[in-house]
Amino acid sequence: MNWVDYIIVSIIAIGVLYGAARGLIHGLFSIGGLIVSIIAAKKYSGLVAEALVAYTGIENKLLEFIQKNKITEAFAFSLPVEKGFDDLYQYITMVIINCIALLLAFMAVRICMLLLEALLKGVFRLPVLSTINHSGGAILGLVQSVLILLFIYAIFIPIASVEKFNFMQQAIETSLLSKYFYKYNFMMSWALDTALNIFID
């Protein structure tokens, strides 16, 4: 195990303990809000990505940076070679932009859900159900921690490909637990698929 594994274990442990402490009732709304935020981020990240490309200079800046640093290795597993793409760097640029868009969309929806939770907090002030309440909260805390870790990996995998952050890529590759959050990361697949669709269009 390396430092990445310790961070993963710590996040999961904190999530479980925090979930047990706050209980099932409050946790249901919290995990529901997280799931809604992720689904909404998936649905609207494409629009955010298109807006970033259309109204900011991020595409050209990223493209220039990627060409300068020759960032390709981290995306080797997903490059659509069979599609006959001529501009490899353009595709990688769109993948990174979609990761950024996914993060922005998630944060926006998550903030809205947290505001709604604050307004409805009084609804969930029910009598404590003791063991069931705390045990259920711990399970929800575990699920929430795993979702958060999947999201973190989806964002940091592209960042780790940058030369100055090479230590992150090495740590992820040698981590015992990272493979589960990388190999089965549906959020990363969303970003790659969206980038591919935008690039084709």
Protein backbone atom coordinates (compact mmCIF):
# COMPACT_ATOMS: atom_id res chain seq x y z
CA MET A 1 0.00 0.00 0.00
CA ASN A 2 1.16 3.54 -0.72
CA TRP A 3 -0.06 7.02 0.21
CA VAL A 4 -2.90 6.86 -2.33
CA ASP A 5 -4.27 3.73 -0.63
CA TYR A 6 -4.11 5.41 2.77
CA ILE A 7 -6.06 8.38 1.40
CA ILE A 8 -8.69 6.04 -0.08
CA VAL A 9 -9.05 4.11 3.18
CA SER A 10 -9.23 7.38 5.15
CA ILE A 11 -11.97 8.83 2.91
CA ILE A 12 -14.01 5.62 3.18
CA ALA A 13 -13.51 5.39 6.96
CA ILE A 14 -14.49 9.02 7.46
CA GLY A 15 -17.53 8.52 5.24
CA VAL A 16 -18.67 5.46 7.19
CA LEU A 17 -18.14 7.09 10.60
CA TYR A 18 -19.77 10.34 9.52
CA GLY A 19 -22.68 8.43 8.00
CA ALA A 20 -23.17 6.47 11.22
CA ALA A 21 -23.06 9.66 13.27
CA ARG A 22 -25.65 11.55 11.24
CA GLY A 23 -27.91 8.54 10.72
CA LEU A 24 -30.01 7.06 7.94
CA ILE A 25 -32.74 9.72 7.72
CA HIS A 26 -30.43 12.61 6.96
CA GLY A 27 -28.14 10.35 4.93
CA LEU A 28 -30.90 9.33 2.52
CA PHE A 29 -31.37 12.88 1.35
CA SER A 30 -27.64 13.48 1.20
CA ILE A 31 -26.85 10.41 -0.92
CA GLY A 32 -29.90 11.11 -3.06
CA GLY A 33 -28.64 14.63 -3.65
CA LEU A 34 -25.21 13.29 -4.62
CA ILE A 35 -26.72 10.82 -7.10
CA VAL A 36 -28.95 13.51 -8.61
CA SER A 37 -25.91 15.80 -8.88
CA ILE A 38 -23.91 13.13 -10.70
CA ILE A 39 -26.76 12.28 -13.10
CA ALA A 40 -27.44 15.95 -13.80
CA ALA A 41 -23.71 16.58 -14.29
CA LYS A 42 -23.63 13.77 -16.85
CA LYS A 43 -26.68 15.19 -18.64
CA TYR A 44 -25.54 18.80 -18.79
CA SER A 45 -21.73 18.50 -18.92
CA GLY A 46 -21.89 18.36 -22.72
CA LEU A 47 -23.66 21.72 -22.82
CA VAL A 48 -21.15 23.17 -20.37
CA ALA A 49 -18.27 21.83 -22.49
CA GLU A 50 -19.75 23.39 -25.64
CA ALA A 51 -20.15 26.70 -23.81
CA LEU A 52 -16.53 26.57 -22.62
CA VAL A 53 -15.35 25.97 -26.18
CA ALA A 54 -17.62 28.64 -27.67
CA TYR A 55 -17.21 31.44 -25.14
CA THR A 56 -13.75 30.97 -23.61
CA GLY A 57 -10.25 30.51 -24.92
CA ILE A 58 -9.70 27.32 -22.96
CA GLU A 59 -9.60 25.05 -26.02
CA ASN A 60 -6.70 26.84 -27.70
CA LYS A 61 -4.78 27.22 -24.44
CA LEU A 62 -5.18 23.53 -23.56
CA LEU A 63 -4.31 22.45 -27.09
CA GLU A 64 -1.14 24.52 -27.01
CA PHE A 65 -0.22 23.14 -23.57
CA ILE A 66 -0.86 19.52 -24.61
CA GLN A 67 1.16 19.86 -27.82
CA LYS A 68 4.01 21.44 -25.88
CA ASN A 69 4.06 18.72 -23.21
CA LYS A 70 3.12 15.85 -25.57
CA ILE A 71 0.48 14.42 -23.26
CA THR A 72 -0.73 11.18 -24.83
CA GLU A 73 0.23 8.21 -22.65
CA ALA A 74 -2.57 8.59 -20.09
CA PHE A 75 -5.15 8.44 -22.91
CA ALA A 76 -3.65 5.53 -24.84
CA PHE A 77 -6.34 3.13 -23.59
CA SER A 78 -9.16 5.27 -24.98
CA LEU A 79 -7.83 6.79 -28.18
CA PRO A 80 -10.27 6.17 -31.04
CA VAL A 81 -7.62 5.02 -33.50
CA GLU A 82 -10.12 3.00 -35.50
CA LYS A 83 -12.11 6.17 -36.17
CA GLY A 84 -9.24 7.59 -38.22
CA PHE A 85 -8.67 10.72 -36.16
CA ASP A 86 -5.95 12.92 -37.58
CA ASP A 87 -5.68 15.28 -34.65
CA LEU A 88 -4.80 13.29 -31.56
CA TYR A 89 -4.12 16.39 -29.49
CA GLN A 90 -7.53 17.86 -30.33
CA TYR A 91 -9.23 14.74 -28.99
CA ILE A 92 -7.22 14.84 -25.76
CA THR A 93 -8.08 18.52 -25.41
CA MET A 94 -11.80 17.72 -25.63
CA VAL A 95 -11.44 14.95 -23.03
CA ILE A 96 -9.87 17.39 -20.57
CA ILE A 97 -12.48 20.07 -21.34
CA ASN A 98 -15.22 17.52 -20.67
CA CYS A 99 -13.65 16.60 -17.34
CA ILE A 100 -13.65 20.29 -16.41
CA ALA A 101 -17.25 20.65 -17.62
CA LEU A 102 -18.27 17.59 -15.60
CA LEU A 103 -16.74 19.15 -12.49
CA LEU A 104 -18.43 22.54 -13.05
CA ALA A 105 -21.83 20.97 -13.77
CA PHE A 106 -21.53 18.73 -10.72
CA MET A 107 -20.60 21.62 -8.44
CA ALA A 108 -23.48 23.79 -9.68
CA VAL A 109 -26.10 21.07 -9.21
CA ARG A 110 -24.58 19.98 -5.89
CA ILE A 111 -24.82 23.52 -4.51
CA CYS A 112 -28.49 23.66 -5.51
CA MET A 113 -29.13 20.33 -3.81
CA LEU A 114 -27.38 21.47 -0.63
CA LEU A 115 -29.52 24.61 -0.54
CA LEU A 116 -32.64 22.47 -0.97
CA GLU A 117 -31.45 20.16 1.79
CA ALA A 118 -30.99 23.11 4.13
CA LEU A 119 -34.56 24.24 3.42
CA LEU A 120 -35.97 20.77 4.03
CA LYS A 121 -33.79 19.85 7.00
CA GLY A 122 -36.70 20.27 9.39
CA VAL A 123 -38.60 17.52 7.59
CA PHE A 124 -35.93 14.97 8.54
CA ARG A 125 -35.87 15.76 12.27
CA LEU A 126 -37.52 12.51 13.28
CA PRO A 127 -36.94 10.41 16.44
CA VAL A 128 -33.69 8.49 16.32
CA LEU A 129 -34.17 4.83 15.38
CA SER A 130 -30.99 3.84 17.26
CA THR A 131 -29.13 0.90 15.71
CA ILE A 132 -31.08 0.84 12.43
CA ASN A 133 -30.64 4.56 11.98
CA HIS A 134 -26.89 4.56 12.62
CA SER A 135 -26.17 1.30 10.76
CA GLY A 136 -28.09 2.52 7.74
CA GLY A 137 -26.23 5.81 7.90
CA ALA A 138 -22.89 3.96 7.91
CA ILE A 139 -23.86 2.00 4.77
CA LEU A 140 -24.94 5.18 3.02
CA GLY A 141 -21.69 6.82 4.10
CA LEU A 142 -19.76 3.98 2.47
CA VAL A 143 -21.67 4.33 -0.81
CA GLN A 144 -21.22 8.09 -0.81
CA SER A 145 -17.48 7.78 -0.18
CA VAL A 146 -17.09 5.37 -3.10
CA LEU A 147 -18.99 7.73 -5.43
CA ILE A 148 -16.83 10.65 -4.32
CA LEU A 149 -13.66 8.62 -4.94
CA LEU A 150 -14.88 7.66 -8.43
CA PHE A 151 -15.50 11.33 -9.16
CA ILE A 152 -12.06 12.33 -7.83
CA TYR A 153 -10.38 9.71 -10.03
CA ALA A 154 -12.32 10.85 -13.11
CA ILE A 155 -10.97 14.38 -12.56
CA PHE A 156 -7.40 13.56 -11.54
CA ILE A 157 -6.53 10.86 -14.08
CA PRO A 158 -6.09 13.46 -16.89
CA ILE A 159 -4.23 15.80 -14.51
CA ALA A 160 -1.84 12.98 -13.56
CA SER A 161 -0.75 12.73 -17.20
CA VAL A 162 0.92 16.16 -17.00
CA GLU A 163 4.66 15.74 -16.56
CA LYS A 164 4.91 17.84 -13.40
CA PHE A 165 2.27 15.60 -11.77
CA ASN A 166 3.95 12.37 -12.88
CA PHE A 167 4.35 11.32 -9.25
CA MET A 168 0.54 11.07 -9.06
CA GLN A 169 0.38 8.73 -12.04
CA GLN A 170 3.10 6.51 -10.58
CA ALA A 171 1.33 6.42 -7.21
CA ILE A 172 -1.98 5.49 -8.86
CA GLU A 173 -0.34 2.73 -10.91
CA THR A 174 1.33 1.18 -7.84
CA SER A 175 -1.69 1.56 -5.57
CA LEU A 176 -3.51 -1.61 -4.52
CA LEU A 177 -6.96 -0.01 -4.45
CA SER A 178 -6.74 2.49 -7.31
CA LYS A 179 -7.49 -0.10 -9.99
CA TYR A 180 -11.05 -0.46 -8.69
CA PHE A 181 -11.69 3.29 -8.99
CA TYR A 182 -9.98 3.52 -12.37
CA LYS A 183 -10.95 0.34 -14.20
CA TYR A 184 -14.63 0.54 -13.25
CA ASN A 185 -14.98 4.33 -13.31
CA PHE A 186 -18.21 5.05 -15.18
CA MET A 187 -17.69 8.80 -14.72
CA MET A 188 -14.42 8.70 -16.66
CA SER A 189 -16.24 6.79 -19.40
CA TRP A 190 -18.83 9.59 -19.52
CA ALA A 191 -16.13 12.20 -20.10
CA LEU A 192 -14.43 10.10 -22.80
CA ASP A 193 -17.70 9.30 -24.60
CA THR A 194 -18.87 12.92 -24.51
CA ALA A 195 -15.51 14.10 -25.85
CA LEU A 196 -15.75 11.57 -28.66
CA ASN A 197 -19.30 12.66 -29.58
CA ILE A 198 -18.42 16.37 -29.59
CA PHE A 199 -15.27 15.69 -31.60
CA ILE A 200 -17.23 13.73 -34.21
CA ASP A 201 -19.92 16.42 -34.46
